[in-house]
C-alpha atoms as a PDB file:
ATOM      1  CA  MET A   1     -33.088  17.909 -30.607  1.00  0.00           C
ATOM      2  CA  THR A   2     -29.419  16.923 -30.284  1.00  0.00           C
ATOM      3  CA  THR A   3     -27.500  18.726 -27.538  1.00  0.00           C
ATOM      4  CA  ARG A   4     -24.203  20.124 -28.765  1.00  0.00           C
ATOM      5  CA  THR A   5     -21.064  19.927 -26.636  1.00  0.00           C
ATOM      6  CA  TYR A   6     -18.032  22.215 -26.718  1.00  0.00           C
ATOM      7  CA  ALA A   7     -14.792  21.465 -24.850  1.00  0.00           C
ATOM      8  CA  ILE A   8     -13.257  24.623 -23.387  1.00  0.00           C
ATOM      9  CA  ALA A   9      -9.472  24.180 -23.448  1.00  0.00           C
ATOM     10  CA  ARG A  10      -7.277  25.353 -20.592  1.00  0.00           C
ATOM     11  CA  ALA A  11      -4.966  28.130 -21.760  1.00  0.00           C
ATOM     12  CA  PRO A  12      -1.287  27.609 -20.871  1.00  0.00           C
ATOM     13  CA  GLN A  13      -1.030  31.404 -20.696  1.00  0.00           C
ATOM     14  CA  PRO A  14      -3.515  34.228 -21.166  1.00  0.00           C
ATOM     15  CA  PRO A  15      -4.041  34.747 -24.904  1.00  0.00           C
ATOM     16  CA  ALA A  16      -3.515  38.163 -26.432  1.00  0.00           C
ATOM     17  CA  LEU A  17      -6.805  39.808 -27.315  1.00  0.00           C
ATOM     18  CA  THR A  18      -6.420  39.646 -31.066  1.00  0.00           C
ATOM     19  CA  GLY A  19      -8.104  38.208 -34.120  1.00  0.00           C
ATOM     20  CA  ARG A  20      -5.042  36.075 -34.843  1.00  0.00           C
ATOM     21  CA  VAL A  21      -5.146  32.345 -34.165  1.00  0.00           C
ATOM     22  CA  GLU A  22      -2.046  30.693 -35.626  1.00  0.00           C
ATOM     23  CA  GLY A  23       0.886  30.765 -33.240  1.00  0.00           C
ATOM     24  CA  THR A  24      -1.248  31.919 -30.302  1.00  0.00           C
ATOM     25  CA  PRO A  25      -3.039  30.100 -27.452  1.00  0.00           C
ATOM     26  CA  TRP A  26      -6.260  30.555 -29.456  1.00  0.00           C
ATOM     27  CA  ALA A  27      -4.985  27.747 -31.704  1.00  0.00           C
ATOM     28  CA  LEU A  28      -5.585  25.307 -28.819  1.00  0.00           C
ATOM     29  CA  ALA A  29      -9.287  26.123 -28.726  1.00  0.00           C
ATOM     30  CA  GLU A  30     -11.951  24.116 -30.498  1.00  0.00           C
ATOM     31  CA  VAL A  31     -13.975  26.012 -33.074  1.00  0.00           C
ATOM     32  CA  ALA A  32     -17.652  26.493 -32.235  1.00  0.00           C
ATOM     33  CA  ARG A  33     -19.528  27.204 -35.442  1.00  0.00           C
ATOM     34  CA  ILE A  34     -22.606  29.360 -35.008  1.00  0.00           C
ATOM     35  CA  ASP A  35     -24.373  27.727 -37.919  1.00  0.00           C
ATOM     36  CA  ALA A  36     -28.001  27.082 -36.898  1.00  0.00           C
ATOM     37  CA  PHE A  37     -30.464  29.556 -38.434  1.00  0.00           C
ATOM     38  CA  PRO A  38     -33.879  28.725 -36.922  1.00  0.00           C
ATOM     39  CA  TRP A  39     -35.398  32.082 -37.920  1.00  0.00           C
ATOM     40  CA  HIS A  40     -33.722  32.697 -41.278  1.00  0.00           C
ATOM     41  CA  ALA A  41     -35.987  34.505 -43.749  1.00  0.00           C
ATOM     42  CA  ASP A  42     -33.769  35.985 -46.457  1.00  0.00           C
ATOM     43  CA  GLY A  43     -30.250  37.226 -47.162  1.00  0.00           C
ATOM     44  CA  SER A  44     -27.044  35.218 -46.909  1.00  0.00           C
ATOM     45  CA  ARG A  45     -26.096  32.925 -44.042  1.00  0.00           C
ATOM     46  CA  GLN A  46     -22.678  34.187 -43.029  1.00  0.00           C
ATOM     47  CA  ALA A  47     -20.093  32.182 -41.102  1.00  0.00           C
ATOM     48  CA  THR A  48     -19.418  32.914 -37.434  1.00  0.00           C
ATOM     49  CA  GLN A  49     -16.820  31.084 -35.356  1.00  0.00           C
ATOM     50  CA  ALA A  50     -16.092  31.274 -31.639  1.00  0.00           C
ATOM     51  CA  ARG A  51     -13.113  30.046 -29.633  1.00  0.00           C
ATOM     52  CA  ILE A  52     -13.177  29.841 -25.828  1.00  0.00           C
ATOM     53  CA  LEU A  53     -10.352  29.227 -23.344  1.00  0.00           C
ATOM     54  CA  TYR A  54     -10.131  29.268 -19.558  1.00  0.00           C
ATOM     55  CA  ASP A  55      -7.490  29.433 -16.853  1.00  0.00           C
ATOM     56  CA  GLU A  56      -7.542  29.728 -13.075  1.00  0.00           C
ATOM     57  CA  SER A  57      -8.413  33.414 -13.163  1.00  0.00           C
ATOM     58  CA  ALA A  58     -10.416  34.190 -16.318  1.00  0.00           C
ATOM     59  CA  LEU A  59     -12.466  33.133 -19.311  1.00  0.00           C
ATOM     60  CA  HIS A  60     -11.244  34.157 -22.764  1.00  0.00           C
ATOM     61  CA  VAL A  61     -13.484  34.290 -25.834  1.00  0.00           C
ATOM     62  CA  GLN A  62     -12.792  35.225 -29.454  1.00  0.00           C
ATOM     63  CA  PHE A  63     -15.338  35.589 -32.270  1.00  0.00           C
ATOM     64  CA  ALA A  64     -14.625  35.837 -36.009  1.00  0.00           C
ATOM     65  CA  CYS A  65     -17.500  36.878 -38.278  1.00  0.00           C
ATOM     66  CA  GLU A  66     -18.000  37.032 -41.997  1.00  0.00           C
ATOM     67  CA  ASP A  67     -20.067  40.156 -42.569  1.00  0.00           C
ATOM     68  CA  ARG A  68     -20.813  42.115 -45.711  1.00  0.00           C
ATOM     69  CA  HIS A  69     -22.818  44.690 -43.735  1.00  0.00           C
ATOM     70  CA  VAL A  70     -20.706  45.702 -40.717  1.00  0.00           C
ATOM     71  CA  PHE A  71     -22.658  48.179 -38.585  1.00  0.00           C
ATOM     72  CA  SER A  72     -22.742  49.539 -35.038  1.00  0.00           C
ATOM     73  CA  ARG A  73     -24.437  52.444 -33.312  1.00  0.00           C
ATOM     74  CA  ALA A  74     -24.459  51.638 -29.569  1.00  0.00           C
ATOM     75  CA  THR A  75     -21.666  53.368 -27.650  1.00  0.00           C
ATOM     76  CA  ASP A  76     -22.660  52.950 -23.987  1.00  0.00           C
ATOM     77  CA  LEU A  77     -22.041  50.061 -21.607  1.00  0.00           C
ATOM     78  CA  ASN A  78     -25.146  47.838 -21.492  1.00  0.00           C
ATOM     79  CA  GLY A  79     -26.632  49.673 -24.475  1.00  0.00           C
ATOM     80  CA  PRO A  80     -28.647  47.992 -27.268  1.00  0.00           C
ATOM     81  CA  VAL A  81     -25.658  46.264 -28.856  1.00  0.00           C
ATOM     82  CA  TRP A  82     -27.954  43.493 -30.155  1.00  0.00           C
ATOM     83  CA  ARG A  83     -29.185  45.926 -32.804  1.00  0.00           C
ATOM     84  CA  ASP A  84     -25.620  46.225 -34.155  1.00  0.00           C
ATOM     85  CA  SER A  85     -23.386  43.626 -35.787  1.00  0.00           C
ATOM     86  CA  CYS A  86     -23.228  41.579 -32.603  1.00  0.00           C
ATOM     87  CA  VAL A  87     -22.134  38.271 -31.094  1.00  0.00           C
ATOM     88  CA  GLU A  88     -23.236  36.827 -27.762  1.00  0.00           C
ATOM     89  CA  TRP A  89     -22.151  34.175 -25.265  1.00  0.00           C
ATOM     90  CA  PHE A  90     -24.689  32.988 -22.703  1.00  0.00           C
ATOM     91  CA  PHE A  91     -23.186  30.707 -20.038  1.00  0.00           C
ATOM     92  CA  GLN A  92     -24.328  29.167 -16.764  1.00  0.00           C
ATOM     93  CA  PRO A  93     -21.422  27.965 -14.592  1.00  0.00           C
ATOM     94  CA  ASP A  94     -23.617  26.814 -11.695  1.00  0.00           C
ATOM     95  CA  PRO A  95     -26.873  24.943 -12.386  1.00  0.00           C
ATOM     96  CA  ALA A  96     -28.302  26.338  -9.126  1.00  0.00           C
ATOM     97  CA  GLY A  97     -27.568  29.910 -10.142  1.00  0.00           C
ATOM     98  CA  GLY A  98     -28.419  32.179 -13.031  1.00  0.00           C
ATOM     99  CA  TYR A  99     -26.727  32.569 -16.386  1.00  0.00           C
ATOM    100  CA  PHE A 100     -24.597  35.371 -17.806  1.00  0.00           C
ATOM    101  CA  ASN A 101     -25.384  37.003 -21.139  1.00  0.00           C
ATOM    102  CA  PHE A 102     -22.299  38.644 -22.638  1.00  0.00           C
ATOM    103  CA  GLU A 103     -23.173  40.591 -25.788  1.00  0.00           C
ATOM    104  CA  VAL A 104     -20.669  42.653 -27.776  1.00  0.00           C
ATOM    105  CA  ASN A 105     -20.792  44.623 -31.008  1.00  0.00           C
ATOM    106  CA  CYS A 106     -18.142  44.934 -33.703  1.00  0.00           C
ATOM    107  CA  CYS A 107     -16.594  47.994 -32.006  1.00  0.00           C
ATOM    108  CA  GLY A 108     -16.160  46.200 -28.672  1.00  0.00           C
ATOM    109  CA  VAL A 109     -19.063  47.863 -26.847  1.00  0.00           C
ATOM    110  CA  PHE A 110     -20.653  45.267 -24.585  1.00  0.00           C
ATOM    111  CA  LEU A 111     -23.557  44.369 -22.331  1.00  0.00           C
ATOM    112  CA  LEU A 112     -23.262  41.894 -19.485  1.00  0.00           C
ATOM    113  CA  GLY A 113     -26.313  40.661 -17.620  1.00  0.00           C
ATOM    114  CA  TYR A 114     -27.060  37.993 -15.008  1.00  0.00           C
ATOM    115  CA  GLY A 115     -30.251  36.269 -13.899  1.00  0.00           C
ATOM    116  CA  LYS A 116     -32.296  33.084 -14.115  1.00  0.00           C
ATOM    117  CA  GLY A 117     -34.475  34.141 -17.050  1.00  0.00           C
ATOM    118  CA  ARG A 118     -35.291  36.904 -19.483  1.00  0.00           C
ATOM    119  CA  ASP A 119     -37.071  39.032 -16.874  1.00  0.00           C
ATOM    120  CA  GLY A 120     -35.447  40.701 -13.885  1.00  0.00           C
ATOM    121  CA  ARG A 121     -31.890  40.549 -15.207  1.00  0.00           C
ATOM    122  CA  ARG A 122     -29.200  42.648 -13.549  1.00  0.00           C
ATOM    123  CA  LEU A 123     -26.672  44.574 -15.630  1.00  0.00           C
ATOM    124  CA  ILE A 124     -23.044  45.025 -14.697  1.00  0.00           C
ATOM    125  CA  SER A 125     -21.948  48.324 -13.165  1.00  0.00           C
ATOM    126  CA  PRO A 126     -19.356  50.562 -14.835  1.00  0.00           C
ATOM    127  CA  ALA A 127     -16.966  49.961 -11.933  1.00  0.00           C
ATOM    128  CA  LEU A 128     -17.044  46.177 -12.360  1.00  0.00           C
ATOM    129  CA  ALA A 129     -17.110  46.404 -16.169  1.00  0.00           C
ATOM    130  CA  ALA A 130     -13.768  48.222 -16.029  1.00  0.00           C
ATOM    131  CA  GLY A 131     -12.193  44.892 -15.041  1.00  0.00           C
ATOM    132  CA  ILE A 132     -13.207  43.254 -18.332  1.00  0.00           C
ATOM    133  CA  SER A 133     -10.707  43.554 -21.183  1.00  0.00           C
ATOM    134  CA  MET A 134     -11.920  43.947 -24.765  1.00  0.00           C
ATOM    135  CA  ALA A 135     -10.422  44.233 -28.242  1.00  0.00           C
ATOM    136  CA  ALA A 136     -12.180  44.588 -31.587  1.00  0.00           C
ATOM    137  CA  SER A 137     -11.241  44.945 -35.230  1.00  0.00           C
ATOM    138  CA  GLU A 138     -13.481  48.000 -35.727  1.00  0.00           C
ATOM    139  CA  PRO A 139     -12.392  51.224 -33.988  1.00  0.00           C
ATOM    140  CA  PRO A 140     -15.016  52.967 -31.866  1.00  0.00           C
ATOM    141  CA  PRO A 141     -17.273  54.773 -31.468  1.00  0.00           C
ATOM    142  CA  THR A 142     -19.552  53.607 -34.325  1.00  0.00           C
ATOM    143  CA  ARG A 143     -19.385  51.859 -37.683  1.00  0.00           C
ATOM    144  CA  ALA A 144     -21.316  52.485 -40.894  1.00  0.00           C
ATOM    145  CA  GLU A 145     -21.745  49.852 -43.602  1.00  0.00           C
ATOM    146  CA  ARG A 146     -19.210  50.029 -46.463  1.00  0.00           C
ATOM    147  CA  PRO A 147     -19.146  48.399 -49.902  1.00  0.00           C
ATOM    148  CA  ASP A 148     -15.867  46.613 -49.087  1.00  0.00           C
ATOM    149  CA  ASP A 149     -17.101  44.973 -45.848  1.00  0.00           C
ATOM    150  CA  VAL A 150     -15.966  41.363 -45.427  1.00  0.00           C
ATOM    151  CA  GLY A 151     -15.972  40.726 -41.677  1.00  0.00           C
ATOM    152  CA  TRP A 152     -14.859  41.592 -38.153  1.00  0.00           C
ATOM    153  CA  TRP A 153     -13.612  40.056 -34.915  1.00  0.00           C
ATOM    154  CA  VAL A 154     -13.794  40.685 -31.180  1.00  0.00           C
ATOM    155  CA  ALA A 155     -11.949  39.124 -28.230  1.00  0.00           C
ATOM    156  CA  ALA A 156     -12.529  39.477 -24.509  1.00  0.00           C
ATOM    157  CA  ARG A 157     -11.113  38.467 -21.133  1.00  0.00           C
ATOM    158  CA  LEU A 158     -13.699  37.954 -18.399  1.00  0.00           C
ATOM    159  CA  PRO A 159     -12.027  37.654 -14.975  1.00  0.00           C
ATOM    160  CA  LEU A 160     -13.711  35.101 -12.717  1.00  0.00           C
ATOM    161  CA  ALA A 161     -13.429  37.476  -9.756  1.00  0.00           C
ATOM    162  CA  VAL A 162     -15.384  40.130 -11.656  1.00  0.00           C
ATOM    163  CA  LEU A 163     -18.052  37.622 -12.690  1.00  0.00           C
ATOM    164  CA  GLY A 164     -18.336  36.344  -9.127  1.00  0.00           C
ATOM    165  CA  GLU A 165     -18.687  39.786  -7.594  1.00  0.00           C
ATOM    166  CA  PHE A 166     -21.287  40.697 -10.200  1.00  0.00           C
ATOM    167  CA  ALA A 167     -23.316  37.491  -9.689  1.00  0.00           C
ATOM    168  CA  GLY A 168     -23.008  37.556  -5.909  1.00  0.00           C
ATOM    169  CA  ARG A 169     -21.690  33.989  -5.875  1.00  0.00           C
ATOM    170  CA  ALA A 170     -18.299  32.451  -6.592  1.00  0.00           C
ATOM    171  CA  VAL A 171     -17.522  31.592 -10.214  1.00  0.00           C
ATOM    172  CA  ARG A 172     -14.833  28.924 -10.608  1.00  0.00           C
ATOM    173  CA  ALA A 173     -13.447  27.260 -13.711  1.00  0.00           C
ATOM    174  CA  ARG A 174     -12.240  23.740 -12.958  1.00  0.00           C
ATOM    175  CA  ALA A 175     -11.321  20.873 -15.251  1.00  0.00           C
ATOM    176  CA  GLY A 176     -14.223  18.447 -15.505  1.00  0.00           C
ATOM    177  CA  ASP A 177     -16.900  21.039 -14.803  1.00  0.00           C
ATOM    178  CA  VAL A 178     -19.891  21.018 -17.155  1.00  0.00           C
ATOM    179  CA  TRP A 179     -21.543  24.363 -17.804  1.00  0.00           C
ATOM    180  CA  ARG A 180     -24.552  25.091 -19.970  1.00  0.00           C
ATOM    181  CA  GLY A 181     -25.040  27.898 -22.478  1.00  0.00           C
ATOM    182  CA  ASN A 182     -25.201  29.020 -26.081  1.00  0.00           C
ATOM    183  CA  LEU A 183     -23.501  31.258 -28.635  1.00  0.00           C
ATOM    184  CA  TYR A 184     -25.282  33.651 -30.961  1.00  0.00           C
ATOM    185  CA  ARG A 185     -24.923  36.089 -33.854  1.00  0.00           C
ATOM    186  CA  CYS A 186     -27.440  38.853 -34.509  1.00  0.00           C
ATOM    187  CA  GLY A 187     -27.998  42.513 -35.303  1.00  0.00           C
ATOM    188  CA  GLY A 188     -27.018  45.063 -37.919  1.00  0.00           C
ATOM    189  CA  LYS A 189     -29.176  47.103 -40.242  1.00  0.00           C
ATOM    190  CA  THR A 190     -28.948  44.545 -43.052  1.00  0.00           C
ATOM    191  CA  ASP A 191     -29.167  40.746 -42.901  1.00  0.00           C
ATOM    192  CA  PRO A 192     -29.326  40.319 -39.095  1.00  0.00           C
ATOM    193  CA  GLN A 193     -28.590  36.554 -39.123  1.00  0.00           C
ATOM    194  CA  TYR A 194     -30.219  35.427 -35.820  1.00  0.00           C
ATOM    195  CA  ALA A 195     -27.858  32.463 -35.747  1.00  0.00           C
ATOM    196  CA  CYS A 196     -27.182  30.032 -32.883  1.00  0.00           C
ATOM    197  CA  TRP A 197     -24.597  27.412 -31.999  1.00  0.00           C
ATOM    198  CA  GLN A 198     -27.178  25.242 -30.219  1.00  0.00           C
ATOM    199  CA  ALA A 199     -30.390  25.320 -32.252  1.00  0.00           C
ATOM    200  CA  ILE A 200     -33.468  26.786 -30.532  1.00  0.00           C
ATOM    201  CA  ASP A 201     -37.039  25.634 -31.050  1.00  0.00           C
ATOM    202  CA  ARG A 202     -39.061  28.835 -30.752  1.00  0.00           C
ATOM    203  CA  PRO A 203     -41.415  30.435 -33.310  1.00  0.00           C
ATOM    204  CA  ARG A 204     -39.674  33.836 -33.072  1.00  0.00           C
ATOM    205  CA  PRO A 205     -36.109  34.951 -32.290  1.00  0.00           C
ATOM    206  CA  ASP A 206     -35.464  34.387 -28.582  1.00  0.00           C
ATOM    207  CA  PHE A 207     -31.994  33.807 -27.168  1.00  0.00           C
ATOM    208  CA  HIS A 208     -33.084  33.661 -23.513  1.00  0.00           C
ATOM    209  CA  CYS A 209     -33.895  29.951 -23.595  1.00  0.00           C
ATOM    210  CA  PRO A 210     -31.887  28.261 -20.799  1.00  0.00           C
ATOM    211  CA  ASP A 211     -34.009  25.139 -21.218  1.00  0.00           C
ATOM    212  CA  GLN A 212     -32.402  24.715 -24.654  1.00  0.00           C
ATOM    213  CA  PHE A 213     -28.765  25.447 -23.797  1.00  0.00           C
ATOM    214  CA  GLY A 214     -25.937  23.257 -25.035  1.00  0.00           C
ATOM    215  CA  GLU A 215     -23.015  22.046 -22.895  1.00  0.00           C
ATOM    216  CA  PHE A 216     -19.586  23.556 -22.261  1.00  0.00           C
ATOM    217  CA  ARG A 217     -17.128  21.052 -20.753  1.00  0.00           C
ATOM    218  CA  LEU A 218     -13.944  22.387 -19.185  1.00  0.00           C
ATOM    219  CA  ALA A 219     -11.061  20.216 -20.386  1.00  0.00           C
ATOM    220  CA  PRO A 220      -7.909  19.367 -18.406  1.00  0.00           C
ATOM    221  CA  ALA A 221      -4.671  21.115 -19.304  1.00  0.00           C
ATOM    222  CA  GLY A 222      -3.217  19.800 -22.565  1.00  0.00           C
ATOM    223  CA  ALA A 223      -6.280  17.690 -23.411  1.00  0.00           C
ATOM    224  CA  LEU A 224      -6.932  19.344 -26.777  1.00  0.00           C
ATOM    225  CA  GLN A 225      -3.393  20.118 -27.907  1.00  0.00           C
ATOM    226  CA  ASP A 226      -3.403  17.208 -30.355  1.00  0.00           C
ATOM    227  CA  GLN A 227      -6.467  18.606 -32.176  1.00  0.00           C
ATOM    228  CA  PRO A 228      -6.028  22.391 -32.063  1.00  0.00           C
ATOM    229  CA  ASP A 229      -8.616  23.213 -34.708  1.00  0.00           C
ATOM    230  CA  GLY A 230     -11.159  20.512 -34.008  1.00  0.00           C
ATOM    231  CA  SER A 231     -14.790  20.872 -33.117  1.00  0.00           C
ATOM    232  CA  ARG A 232     -17.266  18.555 -31.446  1.00  0.00           C
ATOM    233  CA  SER A 233     -20.106  20.919 -32.216  1.00  0.00           C
END
């Protein structure tokens, strides 16, 4: 199986947490297309795009999702957001450490875990979670499907200091670093997608597969400015 690679651009300034791209630092980010459907059974395969940036103090991620069945029910931190219209970023900054699983629904309710595998994962505390900034197209607390549904977006800022305190080990973002991870789309009452950026070879839906992660390469400042909407994925 081919390993996909995504270059995380360095943001010249922290991007606003918005769904807009043109005229913002998000335009410098490559597009990661979550377009592998290893467990697709029926329904439409809807487009999902992610953009990721970094700077010396934080990671920034934006997702844009086509969705004709926008739905969310979870309202609590670390609740079952994966059952809602949901996107996820799993990333492992340090090969000797665990990986983070950041999962967020269309209303901006999120779960953040850390560990080396599916079992025994720790979940972020409310006090630390307060340091993470979120924005979403769908106002909380919940969202019911509507006939005019076409899509949604979410954007988040994950401070490195918060991630480091949560993991119990320093998290640094430096040009040239190579991280491992994956991006996912799942959930909702209708047409749950179960899509991946890096394809997974498992008989049933399972996102906790660090042995099948792709690569995230942190690019030097300005490295991607000549191809703002490119993708190596």
